[in-house]
Amino acid sequence: MVFEINTEIVAFVGMFLILIAFFLETQSIIHSKAPLYLLLMAIGSGLLAIRAYLIQEWAFLILEIAWFLTAMTGLIIRNNPSTEADLSDE
């Protein structure tokens, strides 16, 4: 029973972080490429991926891994000035 409660807490924290990011972006408070948005999405989807693995929800796990990797890629690109400069040349 304790294990189930812990996975629910992980799921709710992950969901809350993603919803905060989405709300802030839809209210034009932050941009979808802002580091805060990407960080909230990465942490939230990472937590949901852990939960999906623990409860063996494989399709949901793949989705959350994709979201996590996309957010992390965005963060890495934003924090690497040479990569960002390369992208602006295109």
N, C-alpha and C. Protein backbone atom coordinates (compact mmCIF):
# COMPACT_ATOMS: atom_id res chain seq x y z
N MET A 1 0.82 -1.21 0.00
CA MET A 1 0.00 0.00 0.00
C MET A 1 0.86 1.26 0.00
N VAL A 2 1.94 1.27 0.76
CA VAL A 2 2.82 2.42 0.81
C VAL A 2 3.44 2.68 -0.56
N PHE A 3 3.81 1.62 -1.28
CA PHE A 3 4.39 1.76 -2.62
C PHE A 3 3.41 2.44 -3.56
N GLU A 4 2.14 2.07 -3.50
CA GLU A 4 1.13 2.69 -4.36
C GLU A 4 0.95 4.16 -4.05
N ILE A 5 0.95 4.52 -2.79
CA ILE A 5 0.80 5.93 -2.40
C ILE A 5 1.99 6.73 -2.91
N ASN A 6 3.18 6.19 -2.81
CA ASN A 6 4.37 6.90 -3.28
C ASN A 6 4.34 7.13 -4.79
N THR A 7 3.88 6.15 -5.56
CA THR A 7 3.81 6.37 -7.00
C THR A 7 2.74 7.40 -7.34
N GLU A 8 1.69 7.46 -6.56
CA GLU A 8 0.66 8.49 -6.77
C GLU A 8 1.23 9.87 -6.49
N ILE A 9 2.03 9.99 -5.45
CA ILE A 9 2.64 11.29 -5.13
C ILE A 9 3.57 11.71 -6.26
N VAL A 10 4.38 10.79 -6.75
CA VAL A 10 5.27 11.07 -7.88
C VAL A 10 4.46 11.54 -9.08
N ALA A 11 3.37 10.85 -9.37
CA ALA A 11 2.52 11.20 -10.51
C ALA A 11 1.92 12.58 -10.35
N PHE A 12 1.42 12.90 -9.16
CA PHE A 12 0.79 14.21 -8.96
C PHE A 12 1.81 15.34 -9.01
N VAL A 13 2.99 15.13 -8.48
CA VAL A 13 4.03 16.17 -8.55
C VAL A 13 4.43 16.40 -10.01
N GLY A 14 4.67 15.32 -10.75
CA GLY A 14 5.01 15.45 -12.17
C GLY A 14 3.92 16.14 -12.96
N MET A 15 2.69 15.74 -12.74
CA MET A 15 1.55 16.35 -13.44
C MET A 15 1.44 17.83 -13.09
N PHE A 16 1.61 18.17 -11.82
CA PHE A 16 1.51 19.55 -11.37
C PHE A 16 2.57 20.42 -12.04
N LEU A 17 3.80 19.93 -12.13
CA LEU A 17 4.87 20.70 -12.76
C LEU A 17 4.58 20.95 -14.24
N ILE A 18 4.10 19.93 -14.93
CA ILE A 18 3.75 20.09 -16.36
C ILE A 18 2.60 21.08 -16.52
N LEU A 19 1.61 20.98 -15.66
CA LEU A 19 0.47 21.90 -15.75
C LEU A 19 0.86 23.33 -15.42
N ILE A 20 1.77 23.52 -14.47
CA ILE A 20 2.26 24.87 -14.17
C ILE A 20 2.95 25.45 -15.41
N ALA A 21 3.82 24.66 -16.03
CA ALA A 21 4.52 25.12 -17.23
C ALA A 21 3.53 25.49 -18.32
N PHE A 22 2.56 24.63 -18.54
CA PHE A 22 1.56 24.87 -19.59
C PHE A 22 0.73 26.12 -19.28
N PHE A 23 0.31 26.28 -18.04
CA PHE A 23 -0.47 27.46 -17.65
C PHE A 23 0.34 28.74 -17.86
N LEU A 24 1.59 28.75 -17.39
CA LEU A 24 2.42 29.95 -17.54
C LEU A 24 2.66 30.29 -19.01
N GLU A 25 2.81 29.27 -19.84
CA GLU A 25 3.03 29.51 -21.26
C GLU A 25 1.76 30.02 -21.94
N THR A 26 0.62 29.46 -21.61
CA THR A 26 -0.63 29.91 -22.25
C THR A 26 -1.05 31.29 -21.79
N GLN A 27 -0.55 31.73 -20.65
CA GLN A 27 -0.86 33.07 -20.15
C GLN A 27 0.20 34.09 -20.57
N SER A 28 1.12 33.66 -21.44
CA SER A 28 2.22 34.50 -21.94
C SER A 28 3.11 35.04 -20.83
N ILE A 29 3.23 34.26 -19.76
CA ILE A 29 4.12 34.64 -18.66
C ILE A 29 5.54 34.15 -18.96
N ILE A 30 5.63 32.97 -19.55
CA ILE A 30 6.91 32.46 -20.02
C ILE A 30 6.71 31.92 -21.43
N HIS A 31 7.81 31.76 -22.14
CA HIS A 31 7.78 31.24 -23.51
C HIS A 31 8.09 29.75 -23.47
N SER A 32 7.62 29.02 -24.45
CA SER A 32 7.84 27.57 -24.47
C SER A 32 9.30 27.19 -24.66
N LYS A 33 10.16 28.14 -25.03
CA LYS A 33 11.59 27.86 -25.13
C LYS A 33 12.37 28.42 -23.95
N ALA A 34 11.67 29.00 -22.99
CA ALA A 34 12.33 29.56 -21.80
C ALA A 34 12.90 28.43 -20.94
N PRO A 35 14.05 28.65 -20.33
CA PRO A 35 14.65 27.61 -19.48
C PRO A 35 13.71 27.12 -18.37
N LEU A 36 12.95 28.03 -17.75
CA LEU A 36 12.03 27.61 -16.69
C LEU A 36 10.97 26.65 -17.23
N TYR A 37 10.40 26.97 -18.37
CA TYR A 37 9.40 26.10 -18.98
C TYR A 37 9.99 24.73 -19.28
N LEU A 38 11.15 24.71 -19.91
CA LEU A 38 11.79 23.45 -20.27
C LEU A 38 12.17 22.64 -19.04
N LEU A 39 12.62 23.32 -17.99
CA LEU A 39 12.98 22.63 -16.75
C LEU A 39 11.75 22.01 -16.09
N LEU A 40 10.67 22.77 -16.02
CA LEU A 40 9.43 22.23 -15.44
C LEU A 40 8.94 21.03 -16.24
N MET A 41 9.01 21.13 -17.57
CA MET A 41 8.57 20.02 -18.42
C MET A 41 9.48 18.80 -18.25
N ALA A 42 10.78 19.03 -18.18
CA ALA A 42 11.73 17.91 -18.05
C ALA A 42 11.54 17.20 -16.71
N ILE A 43 11.45 17.95 -15.63
CA ILE A 43 11.28 17.32 -14.32
C ILE A 43 9.92 16.62 -14.23
N GLY A 44 8.88 17.31 -14.68
CA GLY A 44 7.54 16.73 -14.63
C GLY A 44 7.42 15.46 -15.45
N SER A 45 7.91 15.50 -16.68
CA SER A 45 7.82 14.31 -17.52
C SER A 45 8.76 13.21 -17.05
N GLY A 46 9.89 13.60 -16.46
CA GLY A 46 10.79 12.60 -15.88
C GLY A 46 10.14 11.85 -14.74
N LEU A 47 9.45 12.59 -13.87
CA LEU A 47 8.73 11.95 -12.76
C LEU A 47 7.61 11.05 -13.27
N LEU A 48 6.89 11.52 -14.27
CA LEU A 48 5.82 10.69 -14.83
C LEU A 48 6.38 9.46 -15.53
N ALA A 49 7.56 9.58 -16.13
CA ALA A 49 8.19 8.41 -16.75
C ALA A 49 8.56 7.38 -15.69
N ILE A 50 9.07 7.85 -14.56
CA ILE A 50 9.40 6.93 -13.45
C ILE A 50 8.13 6.21 -12.99
N ARG A 51 7.07 6.96 -12.83
CA ARG A 51 5.79 6.36 -12.40
C ARG A 51 5.30 5.35 -13.42
N ALA A 52 5.39 5.71 -14.70
CA ALA A 52 4.94 4.80 -15.76
C ALA A 52 5.73 3.50 -15.73
N TYR A 53 7.03 3.60 -15.48
CA TYR A 53 7.86 2.40 -15.39
C TYR A 53 7.44 1.55 -14.20
N LEU A 54 7.23 2.19 -13.06
CA LEU A 54 6.88 1.45 -11.85
C LEU A 54 5.54 0.73 -11.96
N ILE A 55 4.61 1.32 -12.69
CA ILE A 55 3.30 0.66 -12.84
C ILE A 55 3.18 -0.09 -14.16
N GLN A 56 4.28 -0.15 -14.90
CA GLN A 56 4.37 -0.90 -16.15
C GLN A 56 3.37 -0.44 -17.20
N GLU A 57 3.28 0.87 -17.36
CA GLU A 57 2.47 1.48 -18.42
C GLU A 57 3.42 1.86 -19.55
N TRP A 58 3.68 0.93 -20.47
CA TRP A 58 4.75 1.08 -21.44
C TRP A 58 4.50 2.19 -22.46
N ALA A 59 3.30 2.34 -22.96
CA ALA A 59 3.02 3.41 -23.93
C ALA A 59 3.21 4.78 -23.27
N PHE A 60 2.73 4.92 -22.05
CA PHE A 60 2.88 6.16 -21.30
C PHE A 60 4.36 6.42 -21.00
N LEU A 61 5.11 5.38 -20.72
CA LEU A 61 6.55 5.51 -20.46
C LEU A 61 7.25 6.07 -21.70
N ILE A 62 6.95 5.53 -22.87
CA ILE A 62 7.57 6.00 -24.11
C ILE A 62 7.22 7.47 -24.35
N LEU A 63 5.97 7.83 -24.15
CA LEU A 63 5.54 9.21 -24.33
C LEU A 63 6.30 10.14 -23.39
N GLU A 64 6.39 9.79 -22.13
CA GLU A 64 7.06 10.66 -21.16
C GLU A 64 8.56 10.73 -21.40
N ILE A 65 9.17 9.65 -21.85
CA ILE A 65 10.59 9.70 -22.20
C ILE A 65 10.80 10.65 -23.37
N ALA A 66 9.91 10.61 -24.35
CA ALA A 66 10.00 11.52 -25.49
C ALA A 66 9.88 12.97 -25.04
N TRP A 67 8.92 13.27 -24.16
CA TRP A 67 8.76 14.62 -23.63
C TRP A 67 10.00 15.05 -22.85
N PHE A 68 10.52 14.14 -22.01
CA PHE A 68 11.70 14.44 -21.21
C PHE A 68 12.90 14.75 -22.11
N LEU A 69 13.14 13.90 -23.10
CA LEU A 69 14.29 14.10 -23.99
C LEU A 69 14.15 15.39 -24.80
N THR A 70 12.94 15.69 -25.23
CA THR A 70 12.70 16.93 -25.98
C THR A 70 12.99 18.15 -25.12
N ALA A 71 12.50 18.15 -23.89
CA ALA A 71 12.74 19.27 -22.98
C ALA A 71 14.23 19.39 -22.65
N MET A 72 14.89 18.27 -22.40
CA MET A 72 16.31 18.31 -22.08
C MET A 72 17.14 18.79 -23.27
N THR A 73 16.77 18.36 -24.47
CA THR A 73 17.46 18.84 -25.67
C THR A 73 17.32 20.35 -25.79
N GLY A 74 16.12 20.85 -25.55
CA GLY A 74 15.89 22.29 -25.58
C GLY A 74 16.74 23.02 -24.55
N LEU A 75 16.84 22.47 -23.35
CA LEU A 75 17.67 23.09 -22.31
C LEU A 75 19.14 23.09 -22.71
N ILE A 76 19.61 21.99 -23.24
CA ILE A 76 21.02 21.90 -23.64
C ILE A 76 21.33 22.90 -24.75
N ILE A 77 20.44 22.99 -25.72
CA ILE A 77 20.64 23.94 -26.82
C ILE A 77 20.62 25.37 -26.29
N ARG A 78 19.71 25.68 -25.38
CA ARG A 78 19.62 27.03 -24.81
C ARG A 78 20.85 27.39 -24.00
N ASN A 79 21.47 26.39 -23.36
CA ASN A 79 22.62 26.66 -22.50
C ASN A 79 23.95 26.52 -23.21
N ASN A 80 23.93 26.20 -24.50
CA ASN A 80 25.16 26.06 -25.27
C ASN A 80 25.19 27.18 -26.31
N PRO A 81 25.90 28.27 -26.02
CA PRO A 81 25.89 29.43 -26.93
C PRO A 81 26.31 29.10 -28.35
N SER A 82 27.26 28.19 -28.55
CA SER A 82 27.69 27.87 -29.90
C SER A 82 26.60 27.17 -30.69
N THR A 83 25.82 26.29 -30.03
CA THR A 83 24.72 25.61 -30.70
C THR A 83 23.62 26.60 -31.04
N GLU A 84 23.32 27.52 -30.11
CA GLU A 84 22.27 28.50 -30.35
C GLU A 84 22.66 29.43 -31.51
N ALA A 85 23.94 29.79 -31.59
CA ALA A 85 24.40 30.63 -32.68
C ALA A 85 24.29 29.90 -34.01
N ASP A 86 24.61 28.61 -34.02
CA ASP A 86 24.50 27.80 -35.24
C ASP A 86 23.07 27.75 -35.72
N LEU A 87 22.11 27.62 -34.78
CA LEU A 87 20.71 27.53 -35.15
C LEU A 87 20.18 28.86 -35.69
N SER A 88 20.69 29.98 -35.17
CA SER A 88 20.20 31.27 -35.63
C SER A 88 20.71 31.61 -37.03
N ASP A 89 21.79 30.96 -37.47
CA ASP A 89 22.31 31.19 -38.81
C ASP A 89 21.44 30.56 -39.89
N GLU A 90 20.64 29.58 -39.54
CA GLU A 90 19.83 28.85 -40.53
C GLU A 90 18.64 29.64 -40.99
